[in-house]
Protein backbone atom coordinates (compact mmCIF):
# COMPACT_ATOMS: atom_id res chain seq x y z
CA GLU A 1 36.47 -0.58 12.60
CA TYR A 2 34.00 -3.45 12.21
CA TYR A 3 30.39 -3.96 11.18
CA LEU A 4 27.75 -6.08 12.95
CA SER A 5 24.04 -6.53 12.34
CA PHE A 6 21.15 -8.92 12.94
CA VAL A 7 18.55 -9.48 10.22
CA THR A 8 16.10 -12.22 9.22
CA ASP A 9 16.78 -14.35 6.16
CA ARG A 10 13.33 -15.36 4.96
CA SER A 11 14.66 -17.89 2.44
CA SER A 12 16.37 -19.96 5.15
CA GLU A 13 13.82 -19.00 7.85
CA LYS A 14 16.64 -18.10 10.23
CA ASN A 15 18.04 -15.02 11.87
CA VAL A 16 21.46 -14.04 10.55
CA ILE A 17 24.44 -12.17 11.98
CA ILE A 18 26.19 -10.09 9.32
CA ALA A 19 29.80 -9.31 10.24
CA SER A 20 32.56 -7.49 8.40
CA SER A 21 36.01 -6.13 9.08
CA GLN A 22 35.05 -3.12 6.95
CA GLY A 23 33.09 -0.96 9.39
CA GLY A 24 32.14 2.68 9.06
CA VAL A 25 31.21 2.32 5.38
CA ASP A 26 28.16 1.33 3.33
CA ILE A 27 27.80 -2.42 3.89
CA GLU A 28 26.02 -2.86 0.53
CA LYS A 29 29.15 -1.53 -1.17
CA VAL A 30 31.29 -4.02 0.74
CA ALA A 31 28.98 -6.89 -0.28
CA GLU A 32 29.21 -5.85 -3.92
CA GLU A 33 32.93 -5.07 -4.20
CA THR A 34 34.59 -7.32 -1.59
CA PRO A 35 32.12 -10.07 -0.60
CA GLU A 36 34.96 -12.12 0.93
CA LYS A 37 35.10 -9.51 3.73
CA LEU A 38 31.50 -10.27 4.72
CA LEU A 39 30.31 -13.18 6.91
CA ALA A 40 26.68 -14.29 7.21
CA GLN A 41 26.29 -16.48 10.31
CA PRO A 42 22.83 -18.14 10.47
CA ILE A 43 21.16 -18.70 13.84
CA ASP A 44 18.44 -21.26 14.38
CA PRO A 45 15.63 -19.35 16.16
CA VAL A 46 14.76 -22.49 18.15
CA VAL A 47 18.13 -22.68 19.93
CA GLY A 48 19.19 -19.03 19.64
CA ILE A 49 22.69 -17.60 19.66
CA GLN A 50 25.40 -20.01 20.86
CA SER A 51 29.03 -19.60 21.91
CA PHE A 52 30.31 -21.15 18.69
CA HIS A 53 28.53 -18.42 16.72
CA VAL A 54 30.51 -15.83 18.64
CA ARG A 55 33.78 -17.74 18.17
CA ASN A 56 33.17 -17.99 14.40
CA ILE A 57 32.60 -14.25 14.13
CA GLY A 58 35.56 -13.41 16.39
CA TYR A 59 37.85 -15.61 14.29
CA PHE A 60 36.54 -14.07 11.06
CA LEU A 61 37.17 -10.55 12.37
CA GLY A 62 40.67 -11.46 13.54
CA LEU A 63 39.99 -10.95 17.25
CA ASN A 64 41.96 -12.67 20.00
CA SER A 65 40.41 -14.55 22.93
CA PRO A 66 39.94 -11.57 25.35
CA GLN A 67 38.51 -9.46 22.54
CA THR A 68 36.12 -12.25 21.54
CA LYS A 69 34.88 -12.42 25.15
CA GLN A 70 33.96 -8.73 24.90
CA LEU A 71 32.31 -9.38 21.56
CA ASN A 72 30.23 -12.11 23.22
CA GLY A 73 28.46 -9.61 25.48
CA ILE A 74 27.76 -7.25 22.60
CA LEU A 75 26.36 -9.98 20.32
CA ILE A 76 24.13 -11.45 23.03
CA GLY A 77 22.78 -7.99 23.85
CA MET A 78 22.08 -7.30 20.18
CA TYR A 79 20.40 -10.69 19.75
CA ASN A 80 18.18 -10.20 22.81
CA LEU A 81 17.13 -6.80 21.52
CA PHE A 82 16.49 -8.21 18.03
CA THR A 83 14.27 -11.07 19.24
CA LYS A 84 12.50 -9.61 22.27
CA MET A 85 11.58 -6.36 20.55
CA ASP A 86 10.63 -7.97 17.20
CA CYS A 87 13.17 -5.96 15.24
CA ALA A 88 13.70 -6.07 11.49
CA LEU A 89 17.28 -4.82 11.92
CA VAL A 90 19.76 -4.25 14.73
CA GLU A 91 22.99 -2.75 13.41
CA VAL A 92 26.23 -1.52 14.97
CA ASN A 93 28.39 0.44 12.54
CA PRO A 94 31.11 1.03 13.39
CA LEU A 95 32.17 -1.35 16.12
CA ILE A 96 35.70 -0.32 17.10
CA LEU A 97 38.74 -1.81 18.80
CA THR A 98 40.48 0.86 20.87
CA GLU A 99 44.18 1.19 21.63
CA GLU A 100 43.33 -0.05 25.15
CA ASP A 101 42.03 -3.29 23.58
CA ASP A 102 38.40 -2.44 24.35
CA ILE A 103 35.59 -3.18 21.91
CA LYS A 104 32.97 -0.42 21.77
CA ALA A 105 29.90 0.36 19.67
CA LEU A 106 30.18 3.88 18.28
CA ASP A 107 26.90 4.05 16.38
CA ALA A 108 23.80 1.89 16.09
CA LYS A 109 20.58 1.60 14.12
CA VAL A 110 17.38 -0.24 15.03
CA ASN A 111 14.39 -0.89 12.77
CA PHE A 112 11.23 -2.35 14.29
CA ASP A 113 8.95 -4.74 12.42
CA ASP A 114 5.66 -2.87 11.96
CA ASN A 115 3.80 -6.19 11.90
CA ALA A 116 4.63 -6.62 15.59
CA ALA A 117 3.51 -3.13 16.63
CA PHE A 118 0.29 -4.49 18.17
CA ARG A 119 2.29 -6.12 20.98
CA HIS A 120 4.82 -3.33 21.42
CA LYS A 121 3.00 -0.18 22.45
CA GLU A 122 6.38 1.32 23.30
CA TYR A 123 7.11 1.67 19.59
CA SER A 124 4.89 4.74 19.42
CA GLU A 125 6.82 6.41 22.23
CA LEU A 126 10.02 6.18 20.18
CA HIS A 127 8.47 7.34 16.93
CA ASP A 128 9.88 10.57 15.50
CA PRO A 129 7.72 11.77 12.57
CA ARG A 130 10.49 14.17 11.49
CA GLU A 131 12.47 11.14 10.34
CA GLU A 132 9.78 9.97 7.90
CA GLU A 133 8.62 11.01 4.46
CA PRO A 134 5.50 13.23 4.98
CA SER A 135 3.51 11.34 2.32
CA GLU A 136 4.24 8.03 4.04
CA LEU A 137 3.04 9.46 7.35
CA GLU A 138 -0.17 10.62 5.69
CA ALA A 139 -0.65 7.17 4.16
CA LYS A 140 -0.58 5.54 7.60
CA LYS A 141 -3.51 7.72 8.69
CA TRP A 142 -5.57 6.28 5.82
CA ASP A 143 -4.39 2.68 6.30
CA ILE A 144 -2.58 2.75 2.95
CA SER A 145 0.81 1.15 2.35
CA PHE A 146 2.89 3.79 0.58
CA VAL A 147 6.60 4.16 -0.16
CA LYS A 148 7.90 7.08 -2.22
CA LEU A 149 10.39 6.18 -4.97
CA SER A 150 12.36 8.17 -7.53
CA GLY A 151 10.56 7.32 -10.79
CA ASN A 152 7.88 9.20 -12.77
CA ILE A 153 4.99 6.71 -13.09
CA GLY A 154 2.61 6.70 -10.14
CA CYS A 155 1.16 3.32 -9.17
CA LEU A 156 -2.19 2.65 -7.47
CA VAL A 157 -2.66 -1.07 -6.81
CA ASN A 158 -4.51 -3.36 -4.42
CA GLY A 159 -2.38 -6.11 -2.92
CA ALA A 160 1.33 -6.01 -2.11
CA GLY A 161 2.23 -8.83 -4.51
CA LEU A 162 0.38 -7.20 -7.39
CA ALA A 163 1.99 -3.87 -6.50
CA MET A 164 5.47 -5.40 -6.71
CA ALA A 165 4.62 -7.08 -10.02
CA THR A 166 3.29 -3.77 -11.35
CA MET A 167 6.53 -1.97 -10.49
CA ASP A 168 8.55 -4.77 -12.08
CA ILE A 169 6.65 -4.61 -15.37
CA ILE A 170 6.99 -0.81 -15.50
CA LYS A 171 10.76 -1.24 -15.17
CA TYR A 172 10.66 -4.00 -17.79
CA HIS A 173 9.17 -1.53 -20.27
CA GLY A 174 11.93 0.99 -19.61
CA ALA A 175 10.43 3.37 -17.05
CA GLU A 176 10.65 3.75 -13.27
CA PRO A 177 7.82 3.64 -10.70
CA ALA A 178 7.34 6.75 -8.58
CA ASN A 179 5.95 4.84 -5.63
CA PHE A 180 4.78 1.60 -4.06
CA LEU A 181 1.12 2.00 -3.13
CA ASP A 182 -1.24 -0.73 -1.88
CA VAL A 183 -4.78 0.44 -1.05
CA GLY A 184 -5.82 -3.02 0.17
CA GLY A 185 -8.58 -5.36 -0.90
CA GLY A 186 -11.53 -3.33 0.38
CA ALA A 187 -10.51 0.24 -0.42
CA SER A 188 -13.14 2.94 -0.05
CA VAL A 189 -13.69 5.90 -2.37
CA GLU A 190 -12.08 8.09 0.27
CA GLN A 191 -8.97 5.91 0.36
CA VAL A 192 -8.68 5.88 -3.44
CA THR A 193 -9.07 9.67 -3.50
CA GLN A 194 -6.36 10.08 -0.88
CA ALA A 195 -4.12 7.68 -2.82
CA PHE A 196 -4.43 9.84 -5.94
CA LYS A 197 -3.65 12.94 -3.89
CA MET A 198 -0.50 11.36 -2.46
CA ILE A 199 0.67 10.23 -5.90
CA LEU A 200 0.06 13.65 -7.45
CA SER A 201 1.84 15.44 -4.61
CA ASP A 202 5.04 14.15 -6.24
CA LYS A 203 5.95 16.66 -8.95
CA ASN A 204 7.98 13.98 -10.76
CA VAL A 205 4.86 11.97 -11.61
CA LYS A 206 4.12 12.20 -15.37
CA ALA A 207 1.48 9.44 -15.57
CA ILE A 208 -0.50 7.10 -13.30
CA LEU A 209 -1.12 3.38 -13.66
CA VAL A 210 -4.03 1.88 -11.72
CA ASN A 211 -3.87 -1.92 -11.55
CA ILE A 212 -6.75 -3.46 -9.60
CA PHE A 213 -7.94 -7.02 -9.12
CA GLY A 214 -11.60 -7.08 -8.12
CA GLY A 215 -11.74 -10.03 -5.75
CA ILE A 216 -13.32 -8.86 -2.51
CA MET A 217 -14.65 -5.75 -4.26
CA LYS A 218 -16.40 -5.88 -7.62
CA CYS A 219 -14.83 -4.05 -10.57
CA ASP A 220 -17.85 -1.78 -11.05
CA THR A 221 -17.51 -0.62 -7.44
CA ILE A 222 -13.82 0.01 -8.00
CA ALA A 223 -14.52 1.88 -11.24
CA ASP A 224 -17.01 4.08 -9.44
CA GLY A 225 -14.37 4.89 -6.83
CA ILE A 226 -11.76 5.72 -9.48
CA ILE A 227 -14.18 7.99 -11.37
CA THR A 228 -15.26 9.82 -8.21
CA ALA A 229 -11.70 10.25 -7.03
CA ALA A 230 -10.43 11.36 -10.45
CA LYS A 231 -13.11 14.04 -10.65
CA GLU A 232 -12.41 15.33 -7.16
CA VAL A 233 -8.63 15.43 -7.55
CA SER A 234 -8.74 16.75 -11.16
CA ILE A 235 -5.98 14.60 -12.60
CA LYS A 236 -3.94 16.39 -15.29
CA VAL A 237 -1.53 13.56 -16.18
CA PRO A 238 -2.35 10.49 -18.31
CA LEU A 239 -4.28 7.84 -16.37
CA VAL A 240 -4.20 4.18 -17.43
CA VAL A 241 -6.49 1.69 -15.66
CA ARG A 242 -6.34 -2.07 -15.80
CA LEU A 243 -9.17 -3.96 -14.09
CA GLU A 244 -9.61 -7.70 -13.66
CA GLY A 245 -12.12 -9.75 -11.69
CA THR A 246 -15.85 -9.75 -10.97
CA ASN A 247 -17.94 -7.46 -13.23
CA VAL A 248 -14.82 -6.40 -15.12
CA GLU A 249 -16.69 -5.56 -18.34
CA LEU A 250 -19.15 -3.35 -16.48
CA GLY A 251 -16.29 -1.62 -14.73
CA LYS A 252 -14.51 -0.92 -18.03
CA LYS A 253 -17.76 0.37 -19.55
CA MET A 254 -18.19 2.81 -16.67
CA LEU A 255 -14.65 4.12 -17.14
CA VAL A 256 -15.12 4.61 -20.91
CA GLU A 257 -18.47 6.37 -20.44
CA SER A 258 -17.25 8.60 -17.61
CA GLY A 259 -16.09 11.31 -19.99
CA LEU A 260 -12.73 11.42 -18.25
CA ASN A 261 -9.39 11.06 -19.99
CA ILE A 262 -8.90 7.46 -18.84
CA THR A 263 -7.19 4.81 -20.95
CA THR A 264 -8.22 1.24 -20.18
CA ALA A 265 -6.10 -1.88 -20.66
CA SER A 266 -6.90 -5.60 -20.50
CA THR A 267 -3.54 -7.00 -19.41
CA MET A 268 -0.67 -5.86 -17.22
CA LYS A 269 1.65 -5.85 -20.23
CA GLU A 270 -0.70 -3.67 -22.22
CA ALA A 271 -1.23 -1.34 -19.26
CA ALA A 272 2.51 -0.95 -18.61
CA SER A 273 3.47 -0.41 -22.25
CA THR A 274 0.62 2.09 -22.66
CA VAL A 275 1.46 4.19 -19.61
CA VAL A 276 5.17 4.24 -20.54
CA SER A 277 4.31 5.41 -24.07
CA LEU A 278 2.27 8.31 -22.66
CA ILE A 279 5.06 9.98 -20.68
């Protein structure tokens, strides 16, 4: 049994074929325990897949010439699917060699790149909502980026980069984030309210950290949205808010004077250490 997949390596700005002689198992485990059994073959997107790519992979997998010719058709088909359909992943696991010397794909997985959905209307026809986390489906309706995680500190942030940094600093202080949540730069009160509802639907959440940079939106507008949403949702867990940007002092003043149990913080470090201490 073998493993084959196509992914994009953003650091090298190339597509990559991942191949292994250890198919039918978790490829992450193979990479960690026996990395010598894993081959990463880069492909220049300008020239595409070439015959020498196939020969390299066939040699690495220990295939003979007739078997490599069969592999050629499979790899070209996978590559065409990966590029033409704007996929994030095309995976065959396992790829098997039968007793009759035939190479066959027994199972496959395809992930589409959501950023290309605007030019692939057929994506929606293949969508099966039963395969997704219900909270993530709800988030899409509200144009919120949401991924459920296994921690106990809910995160409400604007901007994907800031959201990642927020999760990192929570982990740095010894806790685990319960979600990735990006409400975007121009979030409405309704979106913030829905974000709180999604966070609180997770029974593991013991506290919430709101980390907002007021660039497009002013901090007082954001504070008003947080206060309105907090009142409507009736938050029972500790809520720590860190604001930065235009009208930040006014925004903090509004939060303090709201009468709600909201703890404000000036820096990300202070916000993270505070929310971790409250759980």
